[in-house]
Amino acid sequence: MNVGVTMSPEVWEHKREEGRAGRRREGVWNTWRPPTRLTPGWTNRLYVASGGYWRGWFPLAGEALWCPDDEAAPVALIFDAGRWTRIEPVAAPRFRGWRYLERPPGPGPEAASDPLAESPPDRAGAARRPVPPRRTS
């Protein structure tokens, strides 16, 4: 199963740096809503959107941790921070939390030029896009 999250450029770079440096093999992404469609093992992918574009993915565990003491985000999605796979930037819709991705982000008609491609990951003021209509099915 593919799951997508949005991260600020600073958080995205921090997660990748921890994996590259070997300080933390397993990363977590805290959320309030537990996923129900993950498959067992490391067969899932956690796609990351940052600065308005899908950037790549981490392998995602088929289980999540539950921490009832954290009322705002009691669920932790576990991913392999040491195995980042970059993809060509593809425009990502704005959303909060996480979402299932029925198909992985990739080149297609929605691909667009990336304003962060020449900028460092902490560039502020990325272009805003209108929020797409929410699907009801």
N, C-alpha and C. Protein backbone atom coordinates (compact mmCIF):
# COMPACT_ATOMS: atom_id res chain seq x y z
N MET A 1 0.85 -1.17 0.00
CA MET A 1 0.00 0.00 0.00
C MET A 1 0.90 1.23 0.00
N ASN A 2 0.49 2.22 -0.73
CA ASN A 2 1.21 3.49 -0.78
C ASN A 2 0.47 4.51 0.08
N VAL A 3 1.21 5.16 0.97
CA VAL A 3 0.67 6.19 1.84
C VAL A 3 1.45 7.46 1.57
N GLY A 4 0.77 8.59 1.47
CA GLY A 4 1.44 9.86 1.24
C GLY A 4 1.30 10.78 2.44
N VAL A 5 2.38 11.50 2.75
CA VAL A 5 2.38 12.50 3.81
C VAL A 5 3.00 13.78 3.26
N THR A 6 2.71 14.90 3.90
CA THR A 6 3.40 16.15 3.57
C THR A 6 4.33 16.50 4.71
N MET A 7 5.53 16.94 4.35
CA MET A 7 6.51 17.36 5.34
C MET A 7 7.05 18.72 4.92
N SER A 8 7.33 19.56 5.90
CA SER A 8 8.01 20.81 5.58
C SER A 8 9.40 20.44 5.04
N PRO A 9 9.99 21.32 4.23
CA PRO A 9 11.35 21.01 3.74
C PRO A 9 12.34 20.73 4.86
N GLU A 10 12.21 21.41 5.99
CA GLU A 10 13.13 21.19 7.10
C GLU A 10 12.95 19.80 7.71
N VAL A 11 11.73 19.38 7.91
CA VAL A 11 11.46 18.06 8.49
C VAL A 11 11.90 16.97 7.51
N TRP A 12 11.59 17.15 6.24
CA TRP A 12 11.97 16.16 5.21
C TRP A 12 13.49 15.98 5.21
N GLU A 13 14.24 17.08 5.21
CA GLU A 13 15.69 16.99 5.21
C GLU A 13 16.19 16.34 6.49
N HIS A 14 15.59 16.66 7.63
CA HIS A 14 15.99 16.06 8.91
C HIS A 14 15.80 14.54 8.89
N LYS A 15 14.66 14.07 8.39
CA LYS A 15 14.39 12.62 8.33
C LYS A 15 15.42 11.93 7.44
N ARG A 16 15.72 12.53 6.29
CA ARG A 16 16.70 11.94 5.38
C ARG A 16 18.09 11.96 5.98
N GLU A 17 18.46 13.06 6.64
CA GLU A 17 19.79 13.18 7.25
C GLU A 17 19.98 12.13 8.34
N GLU A 18 18.97 11.91 9.16
CA GLU A 18 19.09 10.88 10.21
C GLU A 18 19.35 9.51 9.59
N GLY A 19 18.68 9.21 8.48
CA GLY A 19 18.90 7.93 7.81
C GLY A 19 20.29 7.84 7.20
N ARG A 20 20.74 8.92 6.55
CA ARG A 20 22.07 8.92 5.92
C ARG A 20 23.18 8.79 6.96
N ALA A 21 23.01 9.46 8.08
CA ALA A 21 24.05 9.46 9.11
C ALA A 21 24.04 8.17 9.94
N GLY A 22 23.00 7.36 9.79
CA GLY A 22 22.91 6.13 10.55
C GLY A 22 22.52 6.33 12.00
N ARG A 23 22.13 7.55 12.35
CA ARG A 23 21.72 7.82 13.74
C ARG A 23 20.42 7.12 14.08
N ARG A 24 19.57 6.99 13.10
CA ARG A 24 18.27 6.38 13.36
C ARG A 24 17.86 5.59 12.11
N ARG A 25 17.79 4.29 12.26
CA ARG A 25 17.40 3.46 11.12
C ARG A 25 15.89 3.54 10.89
N GLU A 26 15.12 3.49 11.97
CA GLU A 26 13.67 3.58 11.84
C GLU A 26 13.21 4.99 12.20
N GLY A 27 12.46 5.57 11.28
CA GLY A 27 11.86 6.86 11.54
C GLY A 27 10.38 6.67 11.84
N VAL A 28 9.75 7.69 12.38
CA VAL A 28 8.31 7.63 12.64
C VAL A 28 7.65 8.89 12.12
N TRP A 29 6.41 8.74 11.74
CA TRP A 29 5.57 9.87 11.35
C TRP A 29 4.32 9.78 12.20
N ASN A 30 4.12 10.73 13.10
CA ASN A 30 3.00 10.69 14.02
C ASN A 30 1.74 11.27 13.39
N THR A 31 0.62 10.65 13.68
CA THR A 31 -0.66 11.06 13.13
C THR A 31 -1.77 10.71 14.10
N TRP A 32 -2.94 11.20 13.88
CA TRP A 32 -4.08 10.90 14.76
C TRP A 32 -4.94 9.76 14.23
N ARG A 33 -4.79 9.42 12.95
CA ARG A 33 -5.67 8.43 12.32
C ARG A 33 -4.86 7.19 11.94
N PRO A 34 -5.21 6.02 12.45
CA PRO A 34 -4.45 4.81 12.11
C PRO A 34 -4.82 4.29 10.71
N PRO A 35 -3.82 3.90 9.92
CA PRO A 35 -4.12 3.30 8.62
C PRO A 35 -4.65 1.88 8.81
N THR A 36 -5.57 1.48 7.97
CA THR A 36 -6.16 0.13 8.08
C THR A 36 -5.82 -0.76 6.89
N ARG A 37 -5.14 -0.22 5.89
CA ARG A 37 -4.90 -0.98 4.66
C ARG A 37 -3.43 -1.32 4.42
N LEU A 38 -2.59 -1.23 5.45
CA LEU A 38 -1.19 -1.60 5.28
C LEU A 38 -1.07 -3.11 5.14
N THR A 39 -0.09 -3.56 4.34
CA THR A 39 0.16 -4.99 4.19
C THR A 39 1.31 -5.38 5.11
N PRO A 40 1.37 -6.65 5.53
CA PRO A 40 2.42 -7.08 6.48
C PRO A 40 3.83 -6.90 5.92
N GLY A 41 4.78 -6.68 6.81
CA GLY A 41 6.18 -6.56 6.42
C GLY A 41 6.50 -5.16 5.91
N TRP A 42 7.60 -5.08 5.19
CA TRP A 42 8.07 -3.79 4.66
C TRP A 42 7.68 -3.64 3.20
N THR A 43 6.47 -3.99 2.86
CA THR A 43 6.00 -3.96 1.47
C THR A 43 5.28 -2.66 1.12
N ASN A 44 5.09 -1.78 2.09
CA ASN A 44 4.38 -0.52 1.87
C ASN A 44 5.39 0.59 1.59
N ARG A 45 4.89 1.71 1.06
CA ARG A 45 5.76 2.86 0.79
C ARG A 45 5.15 4.12 1.40
N LEU A 46 6.01 4.94 2.01
CA LEU A 46 5.61 6.22 2.56
C LEU A 46 6.14 7.30 1.61
N TYR A 47 5.24 7.82 0.76
CA TYR A 47 5.61 8.88 -0.18
C TYR A 47 5.59 10.21 0.55
N VAL A 48 6.58 11.05 0.24
CA VAL A 48 6.72 12.35 0.90
C VAL A 48 6.51 13.47 -0.11
N ALA A 49 5.58 14.37 0.22
CA ALA A 49 5.41 15.60 -0.53
C ALA A 49 6.00 16.72 0.30
N SER A 50 6.78 17.59 -0.35
CA SER A 50 7.38 18.72 0.34
C SER A 50 7.48 19.88 -0.64
N GLY A 51 7.11 21.07 -0.18
CA GLY A 51 7.16 22.22 -1.06
C GLY A 51 6.20 22.13 -2.23
N GLY A 52 5.12 21.34 -2.09
CA GLY A 52 4.12 21.22 -3.15
C GLY A 52 4.39 20.13 -4.16
N TYR A 53 5.45 19.32 -3.95
CA TYR A 53 5.81 18.27 -4.91
C TYR A 53 6.10 16.96 -4.20
N TRP A 54 5.74 15.85 -4.84
CA TRP A 54 6.15 14.54 -4.36
C TRP A 54 7.64 14.45 -4.62
N ARG A 55 8.40 13.99 -3.61
CA ARG A 55 9.86 13.96 -3.69
C ARG A 55 10.45 12.56 -3.76
N GLY A 56 9.76 11.58 -3.18
CA GLY A 56 10.28 10.22 -3.14
C GLY A 56 9.57 9.44 -2.05
N TRP A 57 10.17 8.30 -1.66
CA TRP A 57 9.51 7.46 -0.67
C TRP A 57 10.52 6.72 0.21
N PHE A 58 10.00 6.33 1.37
CA PHE A 58 10.70 5.45 2.31
C PHE A 58 9.93 4.14 2.38
N PRO A 59 10.60 2.99 2.57
CA PRO A 59 9.86 1.77 2.88
C PRO A 59 9.08 1.97 4.18
N LEU A 60 7.84 1.51 4.20
CA LEU A 60 6.94 1.70 5.33
C LEU A 60 6.55 0.34 5.92
N ALA A 61 6.65 0.22 7.23
CA ALA A 61 6.29 -1.03 7.91
C ALA A 61 4.79 -1.29 7.79
N GLY A 62 4.43 -2.54 7.90
CA GLY A 62 3.03 -2.93 7.83
C GLY A 62 2.30 -2.82 9.15
N GLU A 63 2.91 -2.18 10.10
CA GLU A 63 2.28 -1.99 11.41
C GLU A 63 2.55 -0.57 11.87
N ALA A 64 1.77 -0.11 12.82
CA ALA A 64 1.94 1.21 13.39
C ALA A 64 1.99 1.07 14.91
N LEU A 65 2.62 2.02 15.56
CA LEU A 65 2.68 2.03 17.02
C LEU A 65 1.55 2.88 17.57
N TRP A 66 1.06 2.51 18.74
CA TRP A 66 -0.03 3.25 19.39
C TRP A 66 0.49 3.82 20.70
N CYS A 67 0.33 5.13 20.90
CA CYS A 67 0.75 5.79 22.13
C CYS A 67 -0.43 6.61 22.65
N PRO A 68 -1.27 6.03 23.51
CA PRO A 68 -2.47 6.73 23.96
C PRO A 68 -2.19 7.99 24.77
N ASP A 69 -0.96 8.17 25.27
CA ASP A 69 -0.62 9.38 26.03
C ASP A 69 -0.53 10.61 25.13
N ASP A 70 -0.33 10.40 23.82
CA ASP A 70 -0.24 11.51 22.88
C ASP A 70 -1.62 11.71 22.26
N GLU A 71 -2.40 12.61 22.83
CA GLU A 71 -3.78 12.80 22.38
C GLU A 71 -3.87 13.39 20.98
N ALA A 72 -2.92 14.21 20.59
CA ALA A 72 -2.96 14.86 19.28
C ALA A 72 -2.57 13.92 18.15
N ALA A 73 -1.61 13.01 18.40
CA ALA A 73 -1.13 12.12 17.35
C ALA A 73 -0.70 10.79 17.98
N PRO A 74 -1.66 9.95 18.37
CA PRO A 74 -1.32 8.71 19.09
C PRO A 74 -0.80 7.57 18.21
N VAL A 75 -0.79 7.74 16.90
CA VAL A 75 -0.37 6.68 15.98
C VAL A 75 0.96 7.07 15.35
N ALA A 76 1.92 6.14 15.33
CA ALA A 76 3.22 6.38 14.71
C ALA A 76 3.40 5.40 13.56
N LEU A 77 3.50 5.93 12.35
CA LEU A 77 3.83 5.12 11.18
C LEU A 77 5.35 4.93 11.19
N ILE A 78 5.82 3.71 11.01
CA ILE A 78 7.24 3.37 11.10
C ILE A 78 7.80 3.22 9.69
N PHE A 79 8.88 3.94 9.40
CA PHE A 79 9.50 3.81 8.08
C PHE A 79 11.00 3.63 8.22
N ASP A 80 11.63 3.11 7.16
CA ASP A 80 13.07 2.87 7.14
C ASP A 80 13.75 4.14 6.66
N ALA A 81 14.28 4.93 7.59
CA ALA A 81 14.88 6.23 7.26
C ALA A 81 16.17 6.10 6.47
N GLY A 82 16.77 4.93 6.47
CA GLY A 82 18.02 4.72 5.75
C GLY A 82 17.85 4.33 4.29
N ARG A 83 16.62 4.16 3.84
CA ARG A 83 16.40 3.70 2.46
C ARG A 83 15.49 4.66 1.69
N TRP A 84 15.91 5.89 1.52
CA TRP A 84 15.18 6.90 0.76
C TRP A 84 15.33 6.64 -0.73
N THR A 85 14.22 6.67 -1.47
CA THR A 85 14.25 6.55 -2.93
C THR A 85 13.69 7.82 -3.52
N ARG A 86 14.52 8.53 -4.27
CA ARG A 86 14.12 9.79 -4.89
C ARG A 86 13.30 9.51 -6.14
N ILE A 87 12.30 10.36 -6.40
CA ILE A 87 11.57 10.32 -7.66
C ILE A 87 11.65 11.71 -8.28
N GLU A 88 11.39 11.81 -9.56
CA GLU A 88 11.32 13.11 -10.20
C GLU A 88 10.16 13.88 -9.56
N PRO A 89 10.36 15.14 -9.23
CA PRO A 89 9.29 15.91 -8.58
C PRO A 89 8.03 15.96 -9.43
N VAL A 90 6.90 15.69 -8.78
CA VAL A 90 5.59 15.73 -9.42
C VAL A 90 4.69 16.57 -8.52
N ALA A 91 3.91 17.45 -9.12
CA ALA A 91 3.02 18.31 -8.34
C ALA A 91 2.14 17.45 -7.42
N ALA A 92 2.03 17.87 -6.17
CA ALA A 92 1.22 17.15 -5.17
C ALA A 92 0.07 18.03 -4.73
N PRO A 93 -1.10 17.46 -4.50
CA PRO A 93 -2.21 18.26 -3.96
C PRO A 93 -1.92 18.63 -2.52
N ARG A 94 -2.55 19.68 -2.04
CA ARG A 94 -2.43 20.04 -0.63
C ARG A 94 -3.37 19.16 0.17
N PHE A 95 -2.86 18.65 1.29
CA PHE A 95 -3.69 17.85 2.20
C PHE A 95 -3.03 17.86 3.56
N ARG A 96 -3.80 17.48 4.56
CA ARG A 96 -3.29 17.39 5.93
C ARG A 96 -3.21 15.94 6.35
N GLY A 97 -2.32 15.65 7.26
CA GLY A 97 -2.21 14.29 7.76
C GLY A 97 -1.58 13.38 6.72
N TRP A 98 -2.25 12.30 6.42
CA TRP A 98 -1.77 11.37 5.41
C TRP A 98 -2.94 10.94 4.54
N ARG A 99 -2.62 10.29 3.44
CA ARG A 99 -3.66 9.80 2.54
C ARG A 99 -3.15 8.54 1.83
N TYR A 100 -4.09 7.66 1.48
CA TYR A 100 -3.74 6.51 0.66
C TYR A 100 -3.52 7.00 -0.77
N LEU A 101 -2.55 6.40 -1.44
CA LEU A 101 -2.29 6.72 -2.85
C LEU A 101 -2.62 5.47 -3.65
N GLU A 102 -3.65 5.53 -4.45
CA GLU A 102 -4.06 4.36 -5.24
C GLU A 102 -3.00 3.99 -6.27
N ARG A 103 -2.27 5.00 -6.75
CA ARG A 103 -1.15 4.71 -7.63
C ARG A 103 -0.01 5.64 -7.22
N PRO A 104 1.23 5.18 -7.35
CA PRO A 104 2.36 6.01 -6.93
C PRO A 104 2.45 7.28 -7.77
N PRO A 105 2.91 8.37 -7.17
CA PRO A 105 3.13 9.59 -7.94
C PRO A 105 4.18 9.32 -9.01
N GLY A 106 3.99 9.88 -10.16
CA GLY A 106 4.97 9.72 -11.24
C GLY A 106 4.68 10.68 -12.36
N PRO A 107 5.56 10.71 -13.34
CA PRO A 107 5.38 11.63 -14.44
C PRO A 107 4.05 11.38 -15.15
N GLY A 108 3.45 12.43 -15.58
CA GLY A 108 2.18 12.37 -16.28
C GLY A 108 1.73 13.78 -16.57
N PRO A 109 0.47 13.96 -16.95
CA PRO A 109 0.00 15.30 -17.26
C PRO A 109 0.07 16.26 -16.09
N GLU A 110 0.08 15.72 -14.84
CA GLU A 110 0.12 16.60 -13.69
C GLU A 110 1.54 17.03 -13.34
N ALA A 111 2.55 16.49 -14.01
CA ALA A 111 3.93 16.88 -13.72
C ALA A 111 4.13 18.36 -14.06
N ALA A 112 4.92 19.03 -13.25
CA ALA A 112 5.15 20.45 -13.46
C ALA A 112 6.58 20.78 -13.11
N SER A 113 7.04 21.94 -13.51
CA SER A 113 8.39 22.34 -13.13
C SER A 113 8.42 22.57 -11.62
N ASP A 114 9.56 22.34 -11.04
CA ASP A 114 9.71 22.36 -9.59
C ASP A 114 10.42 23.62 -9.13
N PRO A 115 9.74 24.54 -8.41
CA PRO A 115 10.40 25.77 -7.98
C PRO A 115 11.49 25.53 -6.93
N LEU A 116 11.54 24.36 -6.29
CA LEU A 116 12.56 24.09 -5.28
C LEU A 116 13.77 23.36 -5.85
N ALA A 117 13.73 23.00 -7.13
CA ALA A 117 14.80 22.19 -7.70
C ALA A 117 16.16 22.87 -7.57
N GLU A 118 16.23 24.18 -7.71
CA GLU A 118 17.49 24.90 -7.64
C GLU A 118 17.71 25.53 -6.27
N SER A 119 16.79 25.33 -5.35
CA SER A 119 16.86 25.99 -4.06
C SER A 119 17.18 24.99 -2.96
N PRO A 120 17.76 25.46 -1.85
CA PRO A 120 17.99 24.55 -0.73
C PRO A 120 16.68 24.09 -0.13
N PRO A 121 16.69 22.94 0.59
CA PRO A 121 15.44 22.39 1.12
C PRO A 121 14.71 23.30 2.09
N ASP A 122 15.38 24.31 2.67
CA ASP A 122 14.69 25.12 3.65
C ASP A 122 14.11 26.40 3.04
N ARG A 123 13.99 26.46 1.73
CA ARG A 123 13.43 27.65 1.07
C ARG A 123 12.01 27.90 1.55
N ALA A 124 11.72 29.09 1.96
CA ALA A 124 10.38 29.43 2.42
C ALA A 124 9.58 30.03 1.28
N GLY A 125 8.27 30.03 1.42
CA GLY A 125 7.41 30.70 0.47
C GLY A 125 7.15 29.93 -0.80
N ALA A 126 7.10 28.60 -0.75
CA ALA A 126 6.80 27.83 -1.96
C ALA A 126 5.43 28.23 -2.50
N ALA A 127 5.28 28.10 -3.81
CA ALA A 127 4.02 28.50 -4.45
C ALA A 127 2.85 27.72 -3.88
N ARG A 128 1.73 28.37 -3.73
CA ARG A 128 0.50 27.75 -3.23
C ARG A 128 -0.39 27.39 -4.39
N ARG A 129 -1.10 26.27 -4.25
CA ARG A 129 -2.07 25.83 -5.24
C ARG A 129 -3.42 25.71 -4.58
N PRO A 130 -4.50 25.88 -5.34
CA PRO A 130 -5.81 25.68 -4.72
C PRO A 130 -5.99 24.24 -4.26
N VAL A 131 -6.74 24.06 -3.21
CA VAL A 131 -7.01 22.72 -2.70
C VAL A 131 -7.98 22.03 -3.66
N PRO A 132 -7.63 20.82 -4.13
CA PRO A 132 -8.55 20.13 -5.04
C PRO A 132 -9.81 19.69 -4.31
N PRO A 133 -10.91 19.49 -5.06
CA PRO A 133 -12.14 19.03 -4.41
C PRO A 133 -11.93 17.69 -3.75
N ARG A 134 -12.54 17.48 -2.62
CA ARG A 134 -12.44 16.22 -1.88
C ARG A 134 -13.36 15.18 -2.52
N ARG A 135 -12.80 13.98 -2.70
CA ARG A 135 -13.61 12.88 -3.23
C ARG A 135 -14.57 12.39 -2.17
N THR A 136 -15.75 12.05 -2.58
CA THR A 136 -16.76 11.58 -1.61
C THR A 136 -16.94 10.08 -1.66
N SER A 137 -16.28 9.40 -2.57
CA SER A 137 -16.45 7.95 -2.65
C SER A 137 -15.33 7.22 -1.99
